[in-house]
Amino acid sequence: MTSSELRQRVIQVLRAIYDPEMPVNIYELGLIYEVKVDEAGFVSIQMTLTAPNCPVAGTLPPEVEAKLKAVPGVTGVKLDLVF
């Protein structure tokens, strides 16, 4: 699988993760700023939260990491949380 194909799979997974306060997925909501996938399958994500004191600040980033690590072909995930 190419890095472009894997990136599309990663984005599909991100579109299945919803902000619990809104009925919108985190990708469409604009919380994902950047998705990079290298040739080795390593995924780099830059994301934010709806607010610095977001009630899911402690659970949403780990959920994103865990779900992306479960994608076949993903060899690792680095998530940078930015505001």
Protein backbone atom coordinates (compact mmCIF):
# COMPACT_ATOMS: atom_id res chain seq x y z
CA MET A 1 0.00 0.00 0.00
CA THR A 2 1.32 3.46 -0.84
CA SER A 3 1.62 6.24 1.72
CA SER A 4 -1.16 8.09 -0.13
CA GLU A 5 -3.51 5.11 0.18
CA LEU A 6 -2.64 4.69 3.85
CA ARG A 7 -3.24 8.41 4.42
CA GLN A 8 -6.76 7.99 3.01
CA ARG A 9 -7.39 5.09 5.39
CA VAL A 10 -6.15 7.21 8.30
CA ILE A 11 -8.51 10.02 7.31
CA GLN A 12 -11.40 7.54 7.16
CA VAL A 13 -10.66 6.56 10.74
CA LEU A 14 -10.45 10.20 11.81
CA ARG A 15 -13.86 10.80 10.23
CA ALA A 16 -15.28 8.06 12.46
CA ILE A 17 -14.15 9.79 15.68
CA TYR A 18 -16.69 12.27 16.99
CA ASP A 19 -16.40 15.14 19.41
CA PRO A 20 -18.72 14.03 22.22
CA GLU A 21 -20.17 17.52 22.60
CA MET A 22 -21.12 17.91 18.92
CA PRO A 23 -22.50 15.52 16.33
CA VAL A 24 -19.57 16.23 14.01
CA ASN A 25 -16.45 14.13 13.46
CA ILE A 26 -13.11 15.62 14.45
CA TYR A 27 -11.86 15.76 10.85
CA GLU A 28 -14.84 17.70 9.48
CA LEU A 29 -14.91 19.85 12.62
CA GLY A 30 -11.43 21.10 11.72
CA LEU A 31 -9.64 19.72 14.76
CA ILE A 32 -7.14 17.90 12.53
CA TYR A 33 -4.64 20.38 11.09
CA GLU A 34 -2.24 18.01 9.41
CA VAL A 35 -1.99 14.33 8.46
CA LYS A 36 1.35 13.00 7.22
CA VAL A 37 2.16 9.40 6.39
CA ASP A 38 5.67 8.40 5.37
CA GLU A 39 6.69 5.49 3.15
CA ALA A 40 7.33 3.31 6.22
CA GLY A 41 3.74 3.77 7.46
CA PHE A 42 4.54 6.21 10.26
CA VAL A 43 1.69 8.68 10.84
CA SER A 44 2.16 12.22 12.14
CA ILE A 45 -0.96 14.09 13.22
CA GLN A 46 -1.28 17.69 14.28
CA MET A 47 -4.58 18.39 16.00
CA THR A 48 -6.29 20.71 18.41
CA LEU A 49 -9.29 20.59 20.73
CA THR A 50 -12.41 22.73 20.71
CA ALA A 51 -11.07 24.62 23.76
CA PRO A 52 -8.01 24.43 26.03
CA ASN A 53 -10.23 23.29 28.91
CA CYS A 54 -12.10 20.77 26.73
CA PRO A 55 -13.61 18.04 28.91
CA VAL A 56 -12.14 15.32 26.67
CA ALA A 57 -8.62 16.78 26.62
CA GLY A 58 -7.33 13.77 28.53
CA THR A 59 -9.17 11.12 26.54
CA LEU A 60 -9.59 12.28 22.93
CA PRO A 61 -5.90 12.41 21.89
CA PRO A 62 -5.19 8.91 23.28
CA GLU A 63 -8.33 7.62 21.53
CA VAL A 64 -7.10 9.08 18.22
CA GLU A 65 -3.67 7.50 18.69
CA ALA A 66 -5.08 4.09 19.60
CA LYS A 67 -7.49 3.99 16.67
CA LEU A 68 -4.79 5.04 14.20
CA LYS A 69 -2.33 2.46 15.54
CA ALA A 70 -4.96 -0.20 14.81
CA VAL A 71 -5.08 0.68 11.09
CA PRO A 72 -3.37 -2.06 9.04
CA GLY A 73 -0.13 -0.68 7.61
CA VAL A 74 0.40 1.96 10.30
CA THR A 75 3.78 1.37 11.94
CA GLY A 76 3.59 4.17 14.50
CA VAL A 77 1.76 7.36 15.41
CA LYS A 78 3.01 10.72 16.66
CA LEU A 79 0.25 13.09 17.73
CA ASP A 80 1.06 16.74 18.37
CA LEU A 81 -1.63 18.62 20.27
CA VAL A 82 -1.53 22.32 19.41
CA PHE A 83 -3.72 25.31 20.19
